[in-house]
Amino acid sequence: MQKTVNICGFCPFMDEDVTIKATFTRYAPLGAIPTAKLLQNFCEYRDDCGLDPEENCPVSTQTLLWNEL
């Protein structure tokens, strides 16, 4: 199962809260609370920070619960 949603968080490279679009998949090891695992980041600020958005983006790599997306 996949979801594409807008998520908000603090970006230290922009020095402000930003909202980005990202696609997540449901990740739920046996007996654990389902979380969201990043599949693709559509951040429009990626040219400004110079990071690989799938690997290092602090907004998209925060731990998110699947049911809260």
PDB file of N, CA and C in Angstrom:
ATOM      1  N   MET A   1       0.839  -1.163   0.000  1.00  0.00           N
ATOM      2  CA  MET A   1       0.000   0.000   0.000  1.00  0.00           C
ATOM      3  C   MET A   1       0.894   1.239   0.000  1.00  0.00           C
ATOM      4  N   GLN A   2       0.533   2.239  -0.796  1.00  0.00           N
ATOM      5  CA  GLN A   2       1.290   3.477  -0.916  1.00  0.00           C
ATOM      6  C   GLN A   2       0.374   4.672  -0.740  1.00  0.00           C
ATOM      7  N   LYS A   3       0.946   5.769  -0.249  1.00  0.00           N
ATOM      8  CA  LYS A   3       0.228   7.041  -0.134  1.00  0.00           C
ATOM      9  C   LYS A   3       1.169   8.158  -0.536  1.00  0.00           C
ATOM     10  N   THR A   4       0.655   9.124  -1.278  1.00  0.00           N
ATOM     11  CA  THR A   4       1.386  10.351  -1.568  1.00  0.00           C
ATOM     12  C   THR A   4       0.690  11.465  -0.791  1.00  0.00           C
ATOM     13  N   VAL A   5       1.453  12.109   0.095  1.00  0.00           N
ATOM     14  CA  VAL A   5       0.873  13.108   0.993  1.00  0.00           C
ATOM     15  C   VAL A   5       1.804  14.315   1.107  1.00  0.00           C
ATOM     16  N   ASN A   6       1.268  15.387   1.644  1.00  0.00           N
ATOM     17  CA  ASN A   6       2.066  16.554   2.000  1.00  0.00           C
ATOM     18  C   ASN A   6       2.443  16.412   3.467  1.00  0.00           C
ATOM     19  N   ILE A   7       3.725  16.556   3.774  1.00  0.00           N
ATOM     20  CA  ILE A   7       4.177  16.500   5.160  1.00  0.00           C
ATOM     21  C   ILE A   7       4.898  17.799   5.498  1.00  0.00           C
ATOM     22  N   CYS A   8       4.838  18.156   6.755  1.00  0.00           N
ATOM     23  CA  CYS A   8       5.436  19.398   7.215  1.00  0.00           C
ATOM     24  C   CYS A   8       6.498  19.087   8.259  1.00  0.00           C
ATOM     25  N   GLY A   9       7.546  19.874   8.266  1.00  0.00           N
ATOM     26  CA  GLY A   9       8.595  19.717   9.262  1.00  0.00           C
ATOM     27  C   GLY A   9       9.624  20.821   9.129  1.00  0.00           C
ATOM     28  N   PHE A  10      10.517  20.896  10.121  1.00  0.00           N
ATOM     29  CA  PHE A  10      11.550  21.913  10.116  1.00  0.00           C
ATOM     30  C   PHE A  10      12.707  21.477   9.224  1.00  0.00           C
ATOM     31  N   CYS A  11      13.113  22.344   8.323  1.00  0.00           N
ATOM     32  CA  CYS A  11      14.253  22.091   7.440  1.00  0.00           C
ATOM     33  C   CYS A  11      15.401  22.989   7.877  1.00  0.00           C
ATOM     34  N   PRO A  12      16.493  22.401   8.408  1.00  0.00           N
ATOM     35  CA  PRO A  12      17.612  23.226   8.854  1.00  0.00           C
ATOM     36  C   PRO A  12      18.339  23.933   7.704  1.00  0.00           C
ATOM     37  N   PHE A  13      18.176  23.452   6.495  1.00  0.00           N
ATOM     38  CA  PHE A  13      18.843  24.065   5.348  1.00  0.00           C
ATOM     39  C   PHE A  13      18.099  25.314   4.871  1.00  0.00           C
ATOM     40  N   MET A  14      16.762  25.304   5.027  1.00  0.00           N
ATOM     41  CA  MET A  14      15.953  26.474   4.692  1.00  0.00           C
ATOM     42  C   MET A  14      15.741  27.344   5.931  1.00  0.00           C
ATOM     43  N   ASP A  15      16.059  26.803   7.107  1.00  0.00           N
ATOM     44  CA  ASP A  15      15.903  27.470   8.402  1.00  0.00           C
ATOM     45  C   ASP A  15      14.451  27.893   8.661  1.00  0.00           C
ATOM     46  N   GLU A  16      13.523  27.018   8.295  1.00  0.00           N
ATOM     47  CA  GLU A  16      12.097  27.277   8.533  1.00  0.00           C
ATOM     48  C   GLU A  16      11.306  25.983   8.349  1.00  0.00           C
ATOM     49  N   ASP A  17      10.056  26.022   8.762  1.00  0.00           N
ATOM     50  CA  ASP A  17       9.158  24.898   8.516  1.00  0.00           C
ATOM     51  C   ASP A  17       8.770  24.904   7.043  1.00  0.00           C
ATOM     52  N   VAL A  18       8.805  23.737   6.428  1.00  0.00           N
ATOM     53  CA  VAL A  18       8.426  23.610   5.018  1.00  0.00           C
ATOM     54  C   VAL A  18       7.422  22.464   4.877  1.00  0.00           C
ATOM     55  N   THR A  19       6.662  22.519   3.814  1.00  0.00           N
ATOM     56  CA  THR A  19       5.739  21.436   3.464  1.00  0.00           C
ATOM     57  C   THR A  19       6.207  20.859   2.144  1.00  0.00           C
ATOM     58  N   ILE A  20       6.375  19.537   2.122  1.00  0.00           N
ATOM     59  CA  ILE A  20       6.810  18.868   0.898  1.00  0.00           C
ATOM     60  C   ILE A  20       5.864  17.721   0.590  1.00  0.00           C
ATOM     61  N   LYS A  21       5.858  17.319  -0.654  1.00  0.00           N
ATOM     62  CA  LYS A  21       5.069  16.163  -1.076  1.00  0.00           C
ATOM     63  C   LYS A  21       6.002  14.960  -1.126  1.00  0.00           C
ATOM     64  N   ALA A  22       5.516  13.819  -0.630  1.00  0.00           N
ATOM     65  CA  ALA A  22       6.329  12.608  -0.623  1.00  0.00           C
ATOM     66  C   ALA A  22       5.419  11.384  -0.726  1.00  0.00           C
ATOM     67  N   THR A  23       5.979  10.299  -1.252  1.00  0.00           N
ATOM     68  CA  THR A  23       5.262   9.031  -1.349  1.00  0.00           C
ATOM     69  C   THR A  23       5.859   8.058  -0.345  1.00  0.00           C
ATOM     70  N   PHE A  24       4.978   7.403   0.398  1.00  0.00           N
ATOM     71  CA  PHE A  24       5.380   6.455   1.425  1.00  0.00           C
ATOM     72  C   PHE A  24       4.718   5.111   1.184  1.00  0.00           C
ATOM     73  N   THR A  25       5.338   4.075   1.727  1.00  0.00           N
ATOM     74  CA  THR A  25       4.743   2.746   1.738  1.00  0.00           C
ATOM     75  C   THR A  25       4.563   2.328   3.189  1.00  0.00           C
ATOM     76  N   ARG A  26       3.627   1.461   3.419  1.00  0.00           N
ATOM     77  CA  ARG A  26       3.343   0.983   4.773  1.00  0.00           C
ATOM     78  C   ARG A  26       4.389  -0.062   5.160  1.00  0.00           C
ATOM     79  N   TYR A  27       4.976   0.120   6.335  1.00  0.00           N
ATOM     80  CA  TYR A  27       5.982  -0.805   6.841  1.00  0.00           C
ATOM     81  C   TYR A  27       5.529  -1.268   8.225  1.00  0.00           C
ATOM     82  N   ALA A  28       5.322  -2.579   8.383  1.00  0.00           N
ATOM     83  CA  ALA A  28       4.815  -3.095   9.650  1.00  0.00           C
ATOM     84  C   ALA A  28       5.405  -4.469   9.948  1.00  0.00           C
ATOM     85  N   PRO A  29       6.545  -4.498  10.651  1.00  0.00           N
ATOM     86  CA  PRO A  29       7.057  -5.799  11.097  1.00  0.00           C
ATOM     87  C   PRO A  29       6.032  -6.446  12.025  1.00  0.00           C
ATOM     88  N   LEU A  30       6.058  -7.750  12.103  1.00  0.00           N
ATOM     89  CA  LEU A  30       5.094  -8.468  12.912  1.00  0.00           C
ATOM     90  C   LEU A  30       5.012  -7.919  14.332  1.00  0.00           C
ATOM     91  N   GLY A  31       3.821  -7.573  14.750  1.00  0.00           N
ATOM     92  CA  GLY A  31       3.584  -7.104  16.103  1.00  0.00           C
ATOM     93  C   GLY A  31       3.934  -5.652  16.352  1.00  0.00           C
ATOM     94  N   ALA A  32       4.400  -4.927  15.352  1.00  0.00           N
ATOM     95  CA  ALA A  32       4.788  -3.528  15.529  1.00  0.00           C
ATOM     96  C   ALA A  32       3.705  -2.597  14.991  1.00  0.00           C
ATOM     97  N   ILE A  33       3.733  -1.376  15.449  1.00  0.00           N
ATOM     98  CA  ILE A  33       2.821  -0.352  14.940  1.00  0.00           C
ATOM     99  C   ILE A  33       3.273   0.015  13.532  1.00  0.00           C
ATOM    100  N   PRO A  34       2.353   0.040  12.558  1.00  0.00           N
ATOM    101  CA  PRO A  34       2.730   0.371  11.179  1.00  0.00           C
ATOM    102  C   PRO A  34       3.296   1.792  11.063  1.00  0.00           C
ATOM    103  N   THR A  35       4.416   1.915  10.378  1.00  0.00           N
ATOM    104  CA  THR A  35       5.030   3.207  10.124  1.00  0.00           C
ATOM    105  C   THR A  35       5.094   3.446   8.621  1.00  0.00           C
ATOM    106  N   ALA A  36       5.477   4.654   8.251  1.00  0.00           N
ATOM    107  CA  ALA A  36       5.591   5.032   6.846  1.00  0.00           C
ATOM    108  C   ALA A  36       7.061   5.024   6.447  1.00  0.00           C
ATOM    109  N   LYS A  37       7.370   4.328   5.363  1.00  0.00           N
ATOM    110  CA  LYS A  37       8.739   4.281   4.841  1.00  0.00           C
ATOM    111  C   LYS A  37       8.779   5.077   3.541  1.00  0.00           C
ATOM    112  N   LEU A  38       9.722   5.999   3.445  1.00  0.00           N
ATOM    113  CA  LEU A  38       9.825   6.886   2.286  1.00  0.00           C
ATOM    114  C   LEU A  38      10.152   6.116   1.015  1.00  0.00           C
ATOM    115  N   LEU A  39       9.380   6.387  -0.025  1.00  0.00           N
ATOM    116  CA  LEU A  39       9.672   5.843  -1.354  1.00  0.00           C
ATOM    117  C   LEU A  39      10.235   6.918  -2.276  1.00  0.00           C
ATOM    118  N   GLN A  40       9.588   8.090  -2.268  1.00  0.00           N
ATOM    119  CA  GLN A  40      10.045   9.167  -3.149  1.00  0.00           C
ATOM    120  C   GLN A  40       9.709  10.514  -2.528  1.00  0.00           C
ATOM    121  N   ASN A  41      10.651  11.423  -2.631  1.00  0.00           N
ATOM    122  CA  ASN A  41      10.508  12.766  -2.102  1.00  0.00           C
ATOM    123  C   ASN A  41      10.376  13.726  -3.282  1.00  0.00           C
ATOM    124  N   PHE A  42       9.347  14.548  -3.267  1.00  0.00           N
ATOM    125  CA  PHE A  42       9.127  15.510  -4.348  1.00  0.00           C
ATOM    126  C   PHE A  42       9.415  16.942  -3.889  1.00  0.00           C
ATOM    127  N   CYS A  43      10.380  17.103  -2.980  1.00  0.00           N
ATOM    128  CA  CYS A  43      10.688  18.420  -2.410  1.00  0.00           C
ATOM    129  C   CYS A  43      11.096  19.395  -3.511  1.00  0.00           C
ATOM    130  N   GLU A  44      10.461  20.543  -3.503  1.00  0.00           N
ATOM    131  CA  GLU A  44      10.781  21.563  -4.505  1.00  0.00           C
ATOM    132  C   GLU A  44      11.995  22.403  -4.114  1.00  0.00           C
ATOM    133  N   TYR A  45      12.517  22.200  -2.887  1.00  0.00           N
ATOM    134  CA  TYR A  45      13.660  22.966  -2.413  1.00  0.00           C
ATOM    135  C   TYR A  45      14.977  22.207  -2.548  1.00  0.00           C
ATOM    136  N   ARG A  46      14.973  21.029  -3.155  1.00  0.00           N
ATOM    137  CA  ARG A  46      16.170  20.183  -3.198  1.00  0.00           C
ATOM    138  C   ARG A  46      17.373  20.867  -3.854  1.00  0.00           C
ATOM    139  N   ASP A  47      17.154  21.755  -4.787  1.00  0.00           N
ATOM    140  CA  ASP A  47      18.282  22.465  -5.419  1.00  0.00           C
ATOM    141  C   ASP A  47      18.934  23.448  -4.450  1.00  0.00           C
ATOM    142  N   ASP A  48      18.165  23.963  -3.493  1.00  0.00           N
ATOM    143  CA  ASP A  48      18.692  24.931  -2.529  1.00  0.00           C
ATOM    144  C   ASP A  48      19.558  24.277  -1.464  1.00  0.00           C
ATOM    145  N   CYS A  49      19.215  23.062  -1.046  1.00  0.00           N
ATOM    146  CA  CYS A  49      19.991  22.440   0.029  1.00  0.00           C
ATOM    147  C   CYS A  49      21.101  21.541  -0.501  1.00  0.00           C
ATOM    148  N   GLY A  50      20.997  21.054  -1.730  1.00  0.00           N
ATOM    149  CA  GLY A  50      22.053  20.258  -2.330  1.00  0.00           C
ATOM    150  C   GLY A  50      22.141  18.827  -1.822  1.00  0.00           C
ATOM    151  N   LEU A  51      21.118  18.360  -1.127  1.00  0.00           N
ATOM    152  CA  LEU A  51      21.129  16.999  -0.590  1.00  0.00           C
ATOM    153  C   LEU A  51      20.421  16.030  -1.514  1.00  0.00           C
ATOM    154  N   ASP A  52      20.737  14.758  -1.369  1.00  0.00           N
ATOM    155  CA  ASP A  52      19.970  13.708  -2.020  1.00  0.00           C
ATOM    156  C   ASP A  52      18.685  13.574  -1.209  1.00  0.00           C
ATOM    157  N   PRO A  53      17.541  13.996  -1.730  1.00  0.00           N
ATOM    158  CA  PRO A  53      16.327  14.086  -0.922  1.00  0.00           C
ATOM    159  C   PRO A  53      15.822  12.759  -0.367  1.00  0.00           C
ATOM    160  N   GLU A  54      16.071  11.655  -1.040  1.00  0.00           N
ATOM    161  CA  GLU A  54      15.603  10.371  -0.527  1.00  0.00           C
ATOM    162  C   GLU A  54      16.437   9.896   0.661  1.00  0.00           C
ATOM    163  N   GLU A  55      17.676  10.341   0.758  1.00  0.00           N
ATOM    164  CA  GLU A  55      18.576   9.852   1.796  1.00  0.00           C
ATOM    165  C   GLU A  55      18.684  10.781   2.998  1.00  0.00           C
ATOM    166  N   ASN A  56      18.767  12.087   2.777  1.00  0.00           N
ATOM    167  CA  ASN A  56      19.168  13.004   3.837  1.00  0.00           C
ATOM    168  C   ASN A  56      18.149  14.059   4.232  1.00  0.00           C
ATOM    169  N   CYS A  57      17.043  14.141   3.575  1.00  0.00           N
ATOM    170  CA  CYS A  57      16.068  15.191   3.868  1.00  0.00           C
ATOM    171  C   CYS A  57      15.475  14.988   5.262  1.00  0.00           C
ATOM    172  N   PRO A  58      15.704  15.929   6.180  1.00  0.00           N
ATOM    173  CA  PRO A  58      15.199  15.758   7.540  1.00  0.00           C
ATOM    174  C   PRO A  58      13.681  15.816   7.631  1.00  0.00           C
ATOM    175  N   VAL A  59      13.023  16.433   6.677  1.00  0.00           N
ATOM    176  CA  VAL A  59      11.556  16.498   6.698  1.00  0.00           C
ATOM    177  C   VAL A  59      10.964  15.146   6.305  1.00  0.00           C
ATOM    178  N   SER A  60      11.495  14.540   5.249  1.00  0.00           N
ATOM    179  CA  SER A  60      10.906  13.289   4.766  1.00  0.00           C
ATOM    180  C   SER A  60      11.394  12.057   5.512  1.00  0.00           C
ATOM    181  N   THR A  61      12.509  12.158   6.247  1.00  0.00           N
ATOM    182  CA  THR A  61      13.017  10.983   6.950  1.00  0.00           C
ATOM    183  C   THR A  61      12.582  10.925   8.410  1.00  0.00           C
ATOM    184  N   GLN A  62      11.712  11.843   8.833  1.00  0.00           N
ATOM    185  CA  GLN A  62      11.195  11.762  10.196  1.00  0.00           C
ATOM    186  C   GLN A  62      10.310  10.521  10.332  1.00  0.00           C
ATOM    187  N   THR A  63      10.205   9.985  11.530  1.00  0.00           N
ATOM    188  CA  THR A  63       9.388   8.805  11.763  1.00  0.00           C
ATOM    189  C   THR A  63       7.918   9.212  11.785  1.00  0.00           C
ATOM    190  N   LEU A  64       7.152   8.610  10.892  1.00  0.00           N
ATOM    191  CA  LEU A  64       5.725   8.906  10.777  1.00  0.00           C
ATOM    192  C   LEU A  64       4.927   7.632  10.948  1.00  0.00           C
ATOM    193  N   LEU A  65       3.848   7.703  11.702  1.00  0.00           N
ATOM    194  CA  LEU A  65       2.956   6.561  11.827  1.00  0.00           C
ATOM    195  C   LEU A  65       2.057   6.501  10.609  1.00  0.00           C
ATOM    196  N   TRP A  66       1.850   5.300  10.097  1.00  0.00           N
ATOM    197  CA  TRP A  66       1.063   5.122   8.878  1.00  0.00           C
ATOM    198  C   TRP A  66      -0.353   5.667   9.044  1.00  0.00           C
ATOM    199  N   ASN A  67      -0.957   5.432  10.182  1.00  0.00           N
ATOM    200  CA  ASN A  67      -2.352   5.860  10.392  1.00  0.00           C
ATOM    201  C   ASN A  67      -2.495   7.376  10.531  1.00  0.00           C
ATOM    202  N   GLU A  68      -1.380   8.090  10.706  1.00  0.00           N
ATOM    203  CA  GLU A  68      -1.437   9.532  10.834  1.00  0.00           C
ATOM    204  C   GLU A  68      -1.133  10.269   9.528  1.00  0.00           C
ATOM    205  N   LEU A  69      -0.881   9.528   8.469  1.00  0.00           N
ATOM    206  CA  LEU A  69      -0.628  10.165   7.167  1.00  0.00           C
ATOM    207  C   LEU A  69      -1.925  10.638   6.569  1.00  0.00           C
TER     208      LEU A  69
END
